[in-house]
């Protein structure tokens, strides 16, 4: 069997509007200057405590916790009102990959389990994923724990797995776990940074992603 592990935000789903708006509300609520959009998107993929530690390292733990709580409540409201869309071609690609007899799909995301389940339920893609690893249960990316747990749950060796993501955290996490890595160009980190992080392949479309998975793991592409 083969295992393709997907990041979510910036890879399958374009959630930048909700993320930027929620960070803005969190910072505004405590009277701090809001980081620029590029800076906010640079921390997508990290767990919220790690993300806020990077955005405001000088803030107290209590202040960061307040920002996080406002972020969570805000994101929940945005998610209910206007769920983040999937990138065009994402659902179709997942359907084709899941239809391969020797392919298992998984998720490794900085989202909470509640947030991931809500997104999967809204778009009807939850059934594709045999293993779902979330921020609730693991250290923040780029720690390899999520990928290692996905490998164990799927029963697939690292040599038969690939991590797919849009951030350097995804690439570094995959490499630390000993799996192949594919960076996608349509997400939140620059392609040059993905290359520098060690991505084995960089793809510009979901069609190219399918071909890259087939090339790295074998099978149809």
N, C-alpha and C. Protein backbone atom coordinates (compact mmCIF):
# COMPACT_ATOMS: atom_id res chain seq x y z
N UNK A 1 0.82 -1.19 0.00
CA UNK A 1 0.00 0.00 0.00
C UNK A 1 0.87 1.26 0.00
N UNK A 2 0.29 2.35 -0.49
CA UNK A 2 0.95 3.65 -0.54
C UNK A 2 0.11 4.64 0.27
N UNK A 3 0.76 5.66 0.79
CA UNK A 3 0.07 6.65 1.61
C UNK A 3 0.41 8.06 1.12
N UNK A 4 -0.62 8.82 0.77
CA UNK A 4 -0.46 10.23 0.41
C UNK A 4 -1.09 11.06 1.52
N UNK A 5 -0.25 11.85 2.19
CA UNK A 5 -0.68 12.65 3.33
C UNK A 5 -0.80 14.12 2.89
N UNK A 6 -1.96 14.70 3.11
CA UNK A 6 -2.21 16.07 2.67
C UNK A 6 -2.28 17.04 3.84
N UNK A 7 -1.64 18.19 3.68
CA UNK A 7 -1.95 19.35 4.47
C UNK A 7 -3.32 19.86 4.01
N UNK A 8 -3.93 20.75 4.78
CA UNK A 8 -5.27 21.24 4.42
C UNK A 8 -5.23 22.71 3.99
N UNK A 9 -5.00 23.62 4.94
CA UNK A 9 -5.04 25.05 4.63
C UNK A 9 -3.92 25.42 3.68
N UNK A 10 -4.29 25.95 2.51
CA UNK A 10 -3.30 26.33 1.52
C UNK A 10 -2.94 25.23 0.55
N UNK A 11 -3.41 24.01 0.83
CA UNK A 11 -3.13 22.87 -0.05
C UNK A 11 -4.42 22.34 -0.67
N UNK A 12 -5.37 21.97 0.16
CA UNK A 12 -6.68 21.54 -0.31
C UNK A 12 -7.71 22.66 -0.25
N UNK A 13 -7.59 23.51 0.76
CA UNK A 13 -8.59 24.54 1.04
C UNK A 13 -7.95 25.92 1.09
N UNK A 14 -8.62 26.90 0.48
CA UNK A 14 -8.12 28.28 0.50
C UNK A 14 -8.80 29.04 1.64
N UNK A 15 -8.23 28.95 2.81
CA UNK A 15 -8.83 29.52 4.01
C UNK A 15 -8.21 30.85 4.42
N UNK A 16 -7.44 31.47 3.53
CA UNK A 16 -6.70 32.65 3.93
C UNK A 16 -7.61 33.79 4.38
N UNK A 17 -8.77 33.95 3.79
CA UNK A 17 -9.66 35.05 4.18
C UNK A 17 -10.09 34.90 5.64
N UNK A 18 -10.48 33.68 6.03
CA UNK A 18 -10.91 33.44 7.40
C UNK A 18 -9.75 33.58 8.38
N UNK A 19 -8.58 33.10 7.98
CA UNK A 19 -7.40 33.17 8.87
C UNK A 19 -6.98 34.61 9.11
N UNK A 20 -6.87 35.38 8.03
CA UNK A 20 -6.44 36.78 8.16
C UNK A 20 -7.46 37.56 8.98
N UNK A 21 -8.74 37.36 8.71
CA UNK A 21 -9.77 38.07 9.45
C UNK A 21 -9.76 37.70 10.93
N UNK A 22 -9.54 36.44 11.24
CA UNK A 22 -9.55 35.99 12.63
C UNK A 22 -8.33 36.48 13.40
N UNK A 23 -7.16 36.48 12.74
CA UNK A 23 -5.96 37.04 13.37
C UNK A 23 -6.16 38.53 13.62
N UNK A 24 -6.74 39.21 12.67
CA UNK A 24 -7.01 40.64 12.81
C UNK A 24 -7.89 40.92 14.02
N UNK A 25 -8.95 40.14 14.18
CA UNK A 25 -9.83 40.33 15.33
C UNK A 25 -9.11 40.02 16.63
N UNK A 26 -8.28 38.98 16.63
CA UNK A 26 -7.56 38.61 17.84
C UNK A 26 -6.61 39.70 18.30
N UNK A 27 -5.86 40.26 17.36
CA UNK A 27 -4.91 41.32 17.71
C UNK A 27 -5.63 42.61 18.10
N UNK A 28 -6.68 42.92 17.36
CA UNK A 28 -7.43 44.14 17.66
C UNK A 28 -8.06 44.08 19.05
N UNK A 29 -8.52 42.90 19.43
CA UNK A 29 -9.18 42.74 20.72
C UNK A 29 -8.27 43.05 21.90
N UNK A 30 -6.96 42.87 21.72
CA UNK A 30 -6.01 43.14 22.82
C UNK A 30 -5.22 44.42 22.60
N UNK A 31 -5.60 45.16 21.55
CA UNK A 31 -4.96 46.45 21.31
C UNK A 31 -3.59 46.39 20.69
N UNK A 32 -3.27 45.31 19.99
CA UNK A 32 -1.96 45.19 19.33
C UNK A 32 -2.08 45.50 17.85
N UNK A 33 -1.01 46.01 17.26
CA UNK A 33 -0.98 46.26 15.83
C UNK A 33 -1.10 44.94 15.08
N UNK A 34 -1.92 44.92 14.05
CA UNK A 34 -2.16 43.70 13.29
C UNK A 34 -1.00 43.46 12.32
N UNK A 35 -0.44 42.26 12.31
CA UNK A 35 0.63 41.96 11.33
C UNK A 35 0.11 42.08 9.91
N UNK A 36 1.02 42.32 8.96
CA UNK A 36 0.58 42.40 7.56
C UNK A 36 0.18 41.02 7.07
N UNK A 37 -0.53 41.02 5.96
CA UNK A 37 -1.11 39.78 5.43
C UNK A 37 -0.06 38.70 5.17
N UNK A 38 1.06 39.10 4.58
CA UNK A 38 2.10 38.11 4.27
C UNK A 38 2.64 37.47 5.54
N UNK A 39 2.81 38.28 6.58
CA UNK A 39 3.30 37.74 7.84
C UNK A 39 2.30 36.77 8.45
N UNK A 40 1.02 37.13 8.39
CA UNK A 40 -0.01 36.24 8.92
C UNK A 40 0.00 34.90 8.18
N UNK A 41 0.06 34.97 6.85
CA UNK A 41 0.02 33.73 6.07
C UNK A 41 1.28 32.89 6.26
N UNK A 42 2.36 33.52 6.70
CA UNK A 42 3.61 32.78 6.88
C UNK A 42 3.52 31.78 8.02
N UNK A 43 2.56 31.96 8.94
CA UNK A 43 2.45 31.06 10.09
C UNK A 43 1.34 30.02 9.91
N UNK A 44 0.67 30.05 8.76
CA UNK A 44 -0.38 29.05 8.51
C UNK A 44 0.25 27.66 8.49
N UNK A 45 -0.37 26.74 9.21
CA UNK A 45 0.16 25.38 9.31
C UNK A 45 0.70 25.07 10.68
N UNK A 46 1.11 26.10 11.39
CA UNK A 46 1.58 25.90 12.76
C UNK A 46 0.39 25.76 13.70
N UNK A 47 0.59 25.13 14.84
CA UNK A 47 -0.45 25.14 15.86
C UNK A 47 -0.60 26.57 16.34
N UNK A 48 -1.77 26.92 16.87
CA UNK A 48 -2.01 28.30 17.28
C UNK A 48 -1.03 28.80 18.33
N UNK A 49 -0.69 28.04 19.37
CA UNK A 49 0.29 28.55 20.33
C UNK A 49 1.64 28.87 19.69
N UNK A 50 2.10 27.99 18.79
CA UNK A 50 3.37 28.23 18.12
C UNK A 50 3.26 29.42 17.16
N UNK A 51 2.12 29.52 16.46
CA UNK A 51 1.92 30.64 15.53
C UNK A 51 1.96 31.97 16.26
N UNK A 52 1.26 32.07 17.39
CA UNK A 52 1.24 33.33 18.12
C UNK A 52 2.59 33.63 18.77
N UNK A 53 3.30 32.60 19.17
CA UNK A 53 4.63 32.81 19.73
C UNK A 53 5.56 33.43 18.69
N UNK A 54 5.35 33.07 17.43
CA UNK A 54 6.18 33.63 16.36
C UNK A 54 5.71 35.03 15.97
N UNK A 55 4.40 35.25 15.99
CA UNK A 55 3.88 36.56 15.60
C UNK A 55 4.16 37.62 16.66
N UNK A 56 4.02 37.26 17.93
CA UNK A 56 4.24 38.22 19.02
C UNK A 56 5.11 37.59 20.10
N UNK A 57 6.38 37.36 19.81
CA UNK A 57 7.25 36.70 20.79
C UNK A 57 7.43 37.50 22.08
N UNK A 58 7.21 38.82 21.98
CA UNK A 58 7.39 39.67 23.15
C UNK A 58 6.18 39.67 24.08
N UNK A 59 5.05 39.15 23.63
CA UNK A 59 3.83 39.16 24.44
C UNK A 59 3.89 38.10 25.54
N UNK A 60 3.16 38.34 26.60
CA UNK A 60 3.08 37.36 27.67
C UNK A 60 2.26 36.16 27.22
N UNK A 61 2.44 35.05 27.90
CA UNK A 61 1.66 33.85 27.59
C UNK A 61 0.16 34.12 27.75
N UNK A 62 -0.18 34.92 28.74
CA UNK A 62 -1.59 35.24 28.98
C UNK A 62 -2.18 36.05 27.83
N UNK A 63 -1.41 37.00 27.32
CA UNK A 63 -1.90 37.82 26.21
C UNK A 63 -2.04 36.99 24.95
N UNK A 64 -1.07 36.11 24.70
CA UNK A 64 -1.18 35.24 23.52
C UNK A 64 -2.38 34.32 23.65
N UNK A 65 -2.65 33.83 24.85
CA UNK A 65 -3.81 32.96 25.07
C UNK A 65 -5.11 33.71 24.77
N UNK A 66 -5.15 35.00 25.11
CA UNK A 66 -6.34 35.80 24.83
C UNK A 66 -6.54 35.99 23.33
N UNK A 67 -5.43 36.22 22.63
CA UNK A 67 -5.52 36.34 21.17
C UNK A 67 -6.04 35.04 20.57
N UNK A 68 -5.52 33.93 21.05
CA UNK A 68 -5.92 32.62 20.53
C UNK A 68 -7.41 32.37 20.74
N UNK A 69 -7.92 32.70 21.91
CA UNK A 69 -9.34 32.47 22.19
C UNK A 69 -10.22 33.31 21.28
N UNK A 70 -9.83 34.57 21.06
CA UNK A 70 -10.59 35.42 20.15
C UNK A 70 -10.50 34.88 18.73
N UNK A 71 -9.30 34.43 18.35
CA UNK A 71 -9.12 33.83 17.02
C UNK A 71 -10.06 32.64 16.84
N UNK A 72 -10.10 31.75 17.82
CA UNK A 72 -10.92 30.55 17.70
C UNK A 72 -12.40 30.88 17.55
N UNK A 73 -12.88 31.79 18.38
CA UNK A 73 -14.31 32.13 18.30
C UNK A 73 -14.63 32.83 16.99
N UNK A 74 -13.70 33.67 16.53
CA UNK A 74 -13.90 34.36 15.26
C UNK A 74 -13.90 33.39 14.10
N UNK A 75 -12.91 32.48 14.09
CA UNK A 75 -12.82 31.52 12.98
C UNK A 75 -14.06 30.63 12.94
N UNK A 76 -14.55 30.26 14.11
CA UNK A 76 -15.76 29.44 14.18
C UNK A 76 -16.93 30.16 13.52
N UNK A 77 -17.07 31.45 13.80
CA UNK A 77 -18.16 32.22 13.20
C UNK A 77 -18.00 32.34 11.69
N UNK A 78 -16.77 32.64 11.24
CA UNK A 78 -16.52 32.74 9.80
C UNK A 78 -16.79 31.40 9.11
N UNK A 79 -16.39 30.31 9.77
CA UNK A 79 -16.58 28.98 9.19
C UNK A 79 -18.05 28.66 9.02
N UNK A 80 -18.86 29.06 9.98
CA UNK A 80 -20.30 28.81 9.88
C UNK A 80 -20.94 29.66 8.79
N UNK A 81 -20.49 30.90 8.68
CA UNK A 81 -21.10 31.84 7.74
C UNK A 81 -20.62 31.61 6.31
N UNK A 82 -19.34 31.36 6.16
CA UNK A 82 -18.75 31.26 4.82
C UNK A 82 -17.59 30.28 4.84
N UNK A 83 -17.88 28.98 4.79
CA UNK A 83 -16.81 27.97 4.88
C UNK A 83 -15.76 28.15 3.79
N UNK A 84 -14.53 27.89 4.15
CA UNK A 84 -13.43 28.04 3.18
C UNK A 84 -13.65 27.11 2.00
N UNK A 85 -13.44 27.60 0.79
CA UNK A 85 -13.62 26.75 -0.40
C UNK A 85 -12.44 25.82 -0.61
N UNK A 86 -12.70 24.71 -1.29
CA UNK A 86 -11.62 23.88 -1.77
C UNK A 86 -11.05 24.51 -3.03
N UNK A 87 -9.77 24.29 -3.26
CA UNK A 87 -9.19 24.74 -4.51
C UNK A 87 -9.80 23.95 -5.66
N UNK A 88 -10.00 24.58 -6.83
CA UNK A 88 -10.55 23.86 -7.97
C UNK A 88 -9.72 22.62 -8.30
N UNK A 89 -10.39 21.50 -8.43
CA UNK A 89 -9.71 20.25 -8.76
C UNK A 89 -9.34 19.41 -7.55
N UNK A 90 -9.43 19.98 -6.35
CA UNK A 90 -9.02 19.23 -5.16
C UNK A 90 -9.91 18.00 -4.93
N UNK A 91 -11.21 18.19 -4.93
CA UNK A 91 -12.13 17.08 -4.63
C UNK A 91 -12.01 15.99 -5.69
N UNK A 92 -11.90 16.38 -6.94
CA UNK A 92 -11.79 15.40 -8.01
C UNK A 92 -10.50 14.60 -7.91
N UNK A 93 -9.43 15.27 -7.53
CA UNK A 93 -8.14 14.59 -7.37
C UNK A 93 -8.20 13.59 -6.22
N UNK A 94 -8.79 14.01 -5.10
CA UNK A 94 -8.93 13.09 -3.97
C UNK A 94 -9.76 11.87 -4.36
N UNK A 95 -10.80 12.09 -5.14
CA UNK A 95 -11.66 10.98 -5.56
C UNK A 95 -10.89 9.99 -6.42
N UNK A 96 -10.08 10.51 -7.34
CA UNK A 96 -9.31 9.61 -8.20
C UNK A 96 -8.25 8.85 -7.40
N UNK A 97 -7.57 9.55 -6.52
CA UNK A 97 -6.53 8.88 -5.73
C UNK A 97 -7.13 7.83 -4.82
N UNK A 98 -8.24 8.16 -4.17
CA UNK A 98 -8.89 7.21 -3.26
C UNK A 98 -9.41 6.00 -4.01
N UNK A 99 -9.65 6.15 -5.30
CA UNK A 99 -10.15 5.04 -6.10
C UNK A 99 -9.07 4.04 -6.51
N UNK A 100 -7.80 4.36 -6.24
CA UNK A 100 -6.73 3.42 -6.54
C UNK A 100 -6.66 2.37 -5.45
N UNK A 101 -6.64 1.13 -5.85
CA UNK A 101 -6.74 0.02 -4.88
C UNK A 101 -5.60 -0.01 -3.88
N UNK A 102 -4.44 0.50 -4.27
CA UNK A 102 -3.28 0.43 -3.38
C UNK A 102 -2.93 1.76 -2.74
N UNK A 103 -3.87 2.72 -2.76
CA UNK A 103 -3.61 4.05 -2.23
C UNK A 103 -4.44 4.33 -0.99
N UNK A 104 -3.79 4.83 0.06
CA UNK A 104 -4.45 5.30 1.27
C UNK A 104 -4.21 6.80 1.35
N UNK A 105 -5.23 7.56 1.74
CA UNK A 105 -5.09 9.00 1.89
C UNK A 105 -5.14 9.38 3.36
N UNK A 106 -4.37 10.39 3.71
CA UNK A 106 -4.35 10.88 5.08
C UNK A 106 -4.25 12.39 5.12
N UNK A 107 -4.42 12.94 6.32
CA UNK A 107 -4.31 14.38 6.55
C UNK A 107 -3.36 14.62 7.71
N UNK A 108 -2.55 15.67 7.58
CA UNK A 108 -1.72 16.16 8.68
C UNK A 108 -1.86 17.68 8.67
N UNK A 109 -2.56 18.22 9.64
CA UNK A 109 -2.92 19.63 9.60
C UNK A 109 -2.76 20.32 10.93
N UNK A 110 -2.50 21.61 10.87
CA UNK A 110 -2.46 22.42 12.07
C UNK A 110 -3.83 22.82 12.56
N UNK A 111 -4.88 22.42 11.84
CA UNK A 111 -6.24 22.70 12.27
C UNK A 111 -6.61 21.86 13.48
N UNK A 112 -7.63 22.31 14.19
CA UNK A 112 -8.20 21.49 15.25
C UNK A 112 -9.04 20.37 14.64
N UNK A 113 -9.32 19.36 15.43
CA UNK A 113 -10.17 18.28 14.92
C UNK A 113 -11.57 18.80 14.59
N UNK A 114 -12.08 19.69 15.43
CA UNK A 114 -13.41 20.25 15.16
C UNK A 114 -13.41 21.01 13.85
N UNK A 115 -12.37 21.82 13.62
CA UNK A 115 -12.30 22.58 12.38
C UNK A 115 -12.14 21.70 11.16
N UNK A 116 -11.31 20.67 11.28
CA UNK A 116 -11.11 19.75 10.16
C UNK A 116 -12.39 19.00 9.85
N UNK A 117 -13.05 18.49 10.87
CA UNK A 117 -14.29 17.74 10.64
C UNK A 117 -15.35 18.61 9.99
N UNK A 118 -15.44 19.87 10.42
CA UNK A 118 -16.43 20.78 9.84
C UNK A 118 -16.14 21.01 8.36
N UNK A 119 -14.86 21.20 8.01
CA UNK A 119 -14.50 21.42 6.61
C UNK A 119 -14.79 20.17 5.78
N UNK A 120 -14.39 19.01 6.29
CA UNK A 120 -14.63 17.75 5.56
C UNK A 120 -16.11 17.50 5.38
N UNK A 121 -16.90 17.73 6.42
CA UNK A 121 -18.34 17.50 6.33
C UNK A 121 -18.98 18.46 5.32
N UNK A 122 -18.56 19.71 5.35
CA UNK A 122 -19.15 20.70 4.44
C UNK A 122 -18.91 20.33 2.99
N UNK A 123 -17.70 19.86 2.69
CA UNK A 123 -17.34 19.56 1.30
C UNK A 123 -17.52 18.09 0.93
N UNK A 124 -17.91 17.26 1.90
CA UNK A 124 -18.16 15.85 1.62
C UNK A 124 -16.92 15.07 1.26
N UNK A 125 -15.77 15.40 1.87
CA UNK A 125 -14.53 14.72 1.52
C UNK A 125 -13.98 13.86 2.65
N UNK A 126 -14.67 13.83 3.77
CA UNK A 126 -14.16 13.12 4.92
C UNK A 126 -13.91 11.65 4.68
N UNK A 127 -14.74 11.03 3.87
CA UNK A 127 -14.63 9.60 3.62
C UNK A 127 -13.38 9.18 2.88
N UNK A 128 -12.67 10.13 2.30
CA UNK A 128 -11.46 9.80 1.56
C UNK A 128 -10.28 9.48 2.47
N UNK A 129 -10.32 9.97 3.71
CA UNK A 129 -9.13 9.93 4.55
C UNK A 129 -9.20 8.85 5.61
N UNK A 130 -8.26 7.92 5.54
CA UNK A 130 -8.18 6.82 6.50
C UNK A 130 -7.58 7.30 7.82
N UNK A 131 -6.67 8.24 7.74
CA UNK A 131 -6.01 8.76 8.93
C UNK A 131 -6.05 10.28 8.91
N UNK A 132 -6.43 10.87 10.05
CA UNK A 132 -6.51 12.33 10.17
C UNK A 132 -5.72 12.76 11.41
N UNK A 133 -4.62 13.43 11.18
CA UNK A 133 -3.78 13.90 12.28
C UNK A 133 -3.94 15.41 12.42
N UNK A 134 -4.23 15.87 13.63
CA UNK A 134 -4.57 17.28 13.86
C UNK A 134 -3.74 17.87 15.00
N UNK A 135 -3.82 19.19 15.12
CA UNK A 135 -3.02 19.90 16.11
C UNK A 135 -3.39 19.54 17.54
N UNK A 136 -4.62 19.09 17.77
CA UNK A 136 -5.05 18.74 19.13
C UNK A 136 -4.17 17.66 19.75
N UNK A 137 -3.63 16.78 18.92
CA UNK A 137 -3.01 15.55 19.43
C UNK A 137 -1.49 15.51 19.30
N UNK A 138 -0.88 16.53 18.69
CA UNK A 138 0.54 16.44 18.36
C UNK A 138 1.26 17.77 18.57
N UNK A 139 2.58 17.72 18.68
CA UNK A 139 3.36 18.96 18.64
C UNK A 139 3.15 19.66 17.30
N UNK A 140 3.40 20.95 17.27
CA UNK A 140 3.23 21.72 16.04
C UNK A 140 4.19 21.24 14.96
N UNK A 141 3.76 21.36 13.71
CA UNK A 141 4.69 21.23 12.60
C UNK A 141 5.83 22.22 12.86
N UNK A 142 7.06 21.90 12.45
CA UNK A 142 7.50 20.78 11.61
C UNK A 142 7.91 19.51 12.36
N UNK A 143 7.53 19.38 13.63
CA UNK A 143 7.78 18.13 14.34
C UNK A 143 7.16 16.98 13.54
N UNK A 144 7.83 15.85 13.42
CA UNK A 144 7.34 14.76 12.55
C UNK A 144 6.22 13.91 13.15
N UNK A 145 5.73 14.22 14.34
CA UNK A 145 4.78 13.34 15.03
C UNK A 145 3.54 13.04 14.20
N UNK A 146 2.99 14.03 13.51
CA UNK A 146 1.76 13.79 12.75
C UNK A 146 1.98 12.80 11.63
N UNK A 147 3.08 12.95 10.91
CA UNK A 147 3.37 12.02 9.82
C UNK A 147 3.67 10.64 10.36
N UNK A 148 4.42 10.57 11.43
CA UNK A 148 4.73 9.27 12.04
C UNK A 148 3.47 8.56 12.50
N UNK A 149 2.53 9.31 13.07
CA UNK A 149 1.27 8.72 13.51
C UNK A 149 0.44 8.25 12.32
N UNK A 150 0.46 9.03 11.24
CA UNK A 150 -0.27 8.63 10.03
C UNK A 150 0.30 7.34 9.45
N UNK A 151 1.62 7.24 9.41
CA UNK A 151 2.25 6.02 8.91
C UNK A 151 1.85 4.81 9.76
N UNK A 152 1.89 4.99 11.07
CA UNK A 152 1.54 3.89 11.97
C UNK A 152 0.08 3.48 11.83
N UNK A 153 -0.80 4.47 11.73
CA UNK A 153 -2.23 4.16 11.63
C UNK A 153 -2.57 3.50 10.31
N UNK A 154 -1.89 3.93 9.25
CA UNK A 154 -2.15 3.35 7.92
C UNK A 154 -1.40 2.04 7.71
N UNK A 155 -0.38 1.78 8.52
CA UNK A 155 0.41 0.57 8.35
C UNK A 155 1.26 0.59 7.10
N UNK A 156 1.79 1.78 6.77
CA UNK A 156 2.59 1.96 5.56
C UNK A 156 3.99 2.43 5.95
N UNK A 157 5.05 1.85 5.37
CA UNK A 157 6.41 2.30 5.68
C UNK A 157 6.68 3.67 5.07
N UNK A 158 7.63 4.38 5.65
CA UNK A 158 7.93 5.73 5.19
C UNK A 158 8.36 5.77 3.72
N UNK A 159 9.00 4.71 3.25
CA UNK A 159 9.46 4.67 1.85
C UNK A 159 8.31 4.62 0.86
N UNK A 160 7.10 4.34 1.34
CA UNK A 160 5.93 4.24 0.47
C UNK A 160 4.94 5.37 0.72
N UNK A 161 5.43 6.48 1.28
CA UNK A 161 4.54 7.58 1.64
C UNK A 161 5.08 8.90 1.14
N UNK A 162 4.17 9.87 1.00
CA UNK A 162 4.54 11.21 0.57
C UNK A 162 3.72 12.22 1.35
N UNK A 163 4.36 13.32 1.71
CA UNK A 163 3.69 14.45 2.35
C UNK A 163 3.52 15.57 1.34
N UNK A 164 2.29 16.09 1.23
CA UNK A 164 1.97 17.13 0.25
C UNK A 164 1.53 18.38 1.00
N UNK A 165 2.19 19.51 0.73
CA UNK A 165 1.81 20.72 1.44
C UNK A 165 2.31 21.98 0.75
N UNK A 166 1.87 23.11 1.29
CA UNK A 166 2.19 24.40 0.69
C UNK A 166 3.17 25.22 1.51
N UNK A 167 3.59 24.71 2.67
CA UNK A 167 4.49 25.49 3.52
C UNK A 167 5.79 24.73 3.80
N UNK A 168 6.78 25.49 4.21
CA UNK A 168 8.04 24.88 4.59
C UNK A 168 7.86 23.95 5.78
N UNK A 169 6.87 24.24 6.63
CA UNK A 169 6.61 23.37 7.79
C UNK A 169 6.20 21.98 7.34
N UNK A 170 5.40 21.91 6.27
CA UNK A 170 4.98 20.61 5.74
C UNK A 170 6.17 19.84 5.20
N UNK A 171 7.01 20.54 4.44
CA UNK A 171 8.17 19.88 3.83
C UNK A 171 9.14 19.42 4.90
N UNK A 172 9.43 20.28 5.87
CA UNK A 172 10.36 19.92 6.94
C UNK A 172 9.81 18.77 7.78
N UNK A 173 8.50 18.76 8.03
CA UNK A 173 7.87 17.68 8.78
C UNK A 173 8.00 16.36 8.03
N UNK A 174 7.70 16.38 6.74
CA UNK A 174 7.81 15.16 5.95
C UNK A 174 9.22 14.62 5.89
N UNK A 175 10.17 15.51 5.69
CA UNK A 175 11.57 15.08 5.63
C UNK A 175 12.02 14.49 6.97
N UNK A 176 11.59 15.12 8.07
CA UNK A 176 11.97 14.62 9.39
C UNK A 176 11.40 13.24 9.67
N UNK A 177 10.26 12.94 9.04
CA UNK A 177 9.64 11.63 9.20
C UNK A 177 10.14 10.61 8.18
N UNK A 178 10.98 11.04 7.25
CA UNK A 178 11.57 10.13 6.28
C UNK A 178 10.71 9.80 5.09
N UNK A 179 9.72 10.67 4.78
CA UNK A 179 8.87 10.42 3.61
C UNK A 179 9.22 11.39 2.50
N UNK A 180 8.82 11.07 1.28
CA UNK A 180 8.99 11.98 0.16
C UNK A 180 8.11 13.21 0.38
N UNK A 181 8.48 14.32 -0.26
CA UNK A 181 7.73 15.56 -0.06
C UNK A 181 7.42 16.23 -1.39
N UNK A 182 6.19 16.74 -1.50
CA UNK A 182 5.77 17.50 -2.68
C UNK A 182 5.23 18.84 -2.20
N UNK A 183 5.76 19.92 -2.77
CA UNK A 183 5.26 21.25 -2.47
C UNK A 183 4.31 21.72 -3.56
N UNK A 184 3.23 22.40 -3.15
CA UNK A 184 2.28 22.96 -4.12
C UNK A 184 2.49 24.47 -4.19
N UNK A 185 2.40 25.00 -5.41
CA UNK A 185 2.76 26.41 -5.63
C UNK A 185 1.62 27.38 -5.34
N UNK A 186 0.40 26.85 -5.13
CA UNK A 186 -0.77 27.74 -5.01
C UNK A 186 -1.09 28.15 -3.57
N UNK A 187 -0.24 27.76 -2.63
CA UNK A 187 -0.53 28.03 -1.23
C UNK A 187 0.11 29.29 -0.69
N UNK A 188 0.58 29.23 0.56
CA UNK A 188 0.91 30.44 1.31
C UNK A 188 2.40 30.71 1.49
N UNK A 189 3.27 29.78 1.12
CA UNK A 189 4.71 30.03 1.20
C UNK A 189 5.29 30.09 -0.21
N UNK A 190 6.28 30.95 -0.43
CA UNK A 190 6.89 31.06 -1.76
C UNK A 190 7.52 29.74 -2.21
N UNK A 191 7.48 29.51 -3.51
CA UNK A 191 8.04 28.29 -4.08
C UNK A 191 9.53 28.17 -3.76
N UNK A 192 10.24 29.27 -3.79
CA UNK A 192 11.67 29.23 -3.50
C UNK A 192 11.92 28.71 -2.09
N UNK A 193 11.05 29.07 -1.15
CA UNK A 193 11.20 28.59 0.22
C UNK A 193 10.93 27.09 0.31
N UNK A 194 9.97 26.61 -0.48
CA UNK A 194 9.67 25.17 -0.49
C UNK A 194 10.87 24.39 -1.03
N UNK A 195 11.50 24.92 -2.06
CA UNK A 195 12.69 24.27 -2.61
C UNK A 195 13.81 24.25 -1.57
N UNK A 196 14.01 25.39 -0.93
CA UNK A 196 15.07 25.48 0.07
C UNK A 196 14.82 24.52 1.23
N UNK A 197 13.54 24.27 1.54
CA UNK A 197 13.19 23.36 2.64
C UNK A 197 13.44 21.90 2.26
N UNK A 198 13.62 21.64 0.95
CA UNK A 198 13.95 20.29 0.51
C UNK A 198 12.85 19.52 -0.17
N UNK A 199 11.83 20.23 -0.69
CA UNK A 199 10.76 19.53 -1.42
C UNK A 199 11.35 18.75 -2.60
N UNK A 200 10.95 17.49 -2.72
CA UNK A 200 11.44 16.65 -3.82
C UNK A 200 10.84 17.10 -5.15
N UNK A 201 9.58 17.52 -5.11
CA UNK A 201 8.90 18.04 -6.29
C UNK A 201 8.12 19.28 -5.92
N UNK A 202 7.96 20.20 -6.88
CA UNK A 202 7.07 21.35 -6.75
C UNK A 202 6.08 21.26 -7.91
N UNK A 203 4.78 21.34 -7.62
CA UNK A 203 3.77 21.22 -8.67
C UNK A 203 2.91 22.47 -8.72
N UNK A 204 2.38 22.74 -9.92
CA UNK A 204 1.58 23.94 -10.16
C UNK A 204 0.11 23.65 -10.39
N UNK A 205 -0.27 22.37 -10.36
CA UNK A 205 -1.67 22.01 -10.60
C UNK A 205 -1.96 20.67 -9.95
N UNK A 206 -3.24 20.37 -9.77
CA UNK A 206 -3.59 19.07 -9.21
C UNK A 206 -3.29 17.94 -10.18
N UNK A 207 -3.37 18.22 -11.48
CA UNK A 207 -2.99 17.19 -12.46
C UNK A 207 -1.51 16.84 -12.31
N UNK A 208 -0.68 17.87 -12.15
CA UNK A 208 0.74 17.64 -11.94
C UNK A 208 1.00 16.95 -10.62
N UNK A 209 0.17 17.23 -9.63
CA UNK A 209 0.32 16.57 -8.32
C UNK A 209 0.08 15.08 -8.45
N UNK A 210 -0.97 14.68 -9.15
CA UNK A 210 -1.24 13.26 -9.34
C UNK A 210 -0.07 12.57 -10.03
N UNK A 211 0.48 13.23 -11.04
CA UNK A 211 1.61 12.65 -11.76
C UNK A 211 2.83 12.53 -10.85
N UNK A 212 3.05 13.53 -10.00
CA UNK A 212 4.21 13.49 -9.10
C UNK A 212 4.07 12.39 -8.06
N UNK A 213 2.86 12.20 -7.55
CA UNK A 213 2.63 11.11 -6.60
C UNK A 213 2.91 9.77 -7.24
N UNK A 214 2.42 9.61 -8.48
CA UNK A 214 2.64 8.36 -9.20
C UNK A 214 4.13 8.14 -9.46
N UNK A 215 4.85 9.20 -9.78
CA UNK A 215 6.28 9.09 -10.05
C UNK A 215 7.05 8.69 -8.80
N UNK A 216 6.70 9.31 -7.68
CA UNK A 216 7.45 9.06 -6.44
C UNK A 216 7.09 7.74 -5.78
N UNK A 217 5.82 7.35 -5.89
CA UNK A 217 5.36 6.14 -5.20
C UNK A 217 5.06 4.98 -6.13
N UNK A 218 5.03 5.26 -7.42
CA UNK A 218 4.68 4.21 -8.37
C UNK A 218 3.18 4.17 -8.58
N UNK A 219 2.75 3.72 -9.74
CA UNK A 219 1.32 3.59 -10.01
C UNK A 219 0.91 4.50 -11.14
N UNK A 220 -0.39 4.67 -11.27
CA UNK A 220 -0.96 5.46 -12.38
C UNK A 220 -0.79 6.93 -12.09
N UNK A 221 -0.56 7.74 -13.10
CA UNK A 221 -0.44 9.18 -12.94
C UNK A 221 -1.11 9.92 -14.08
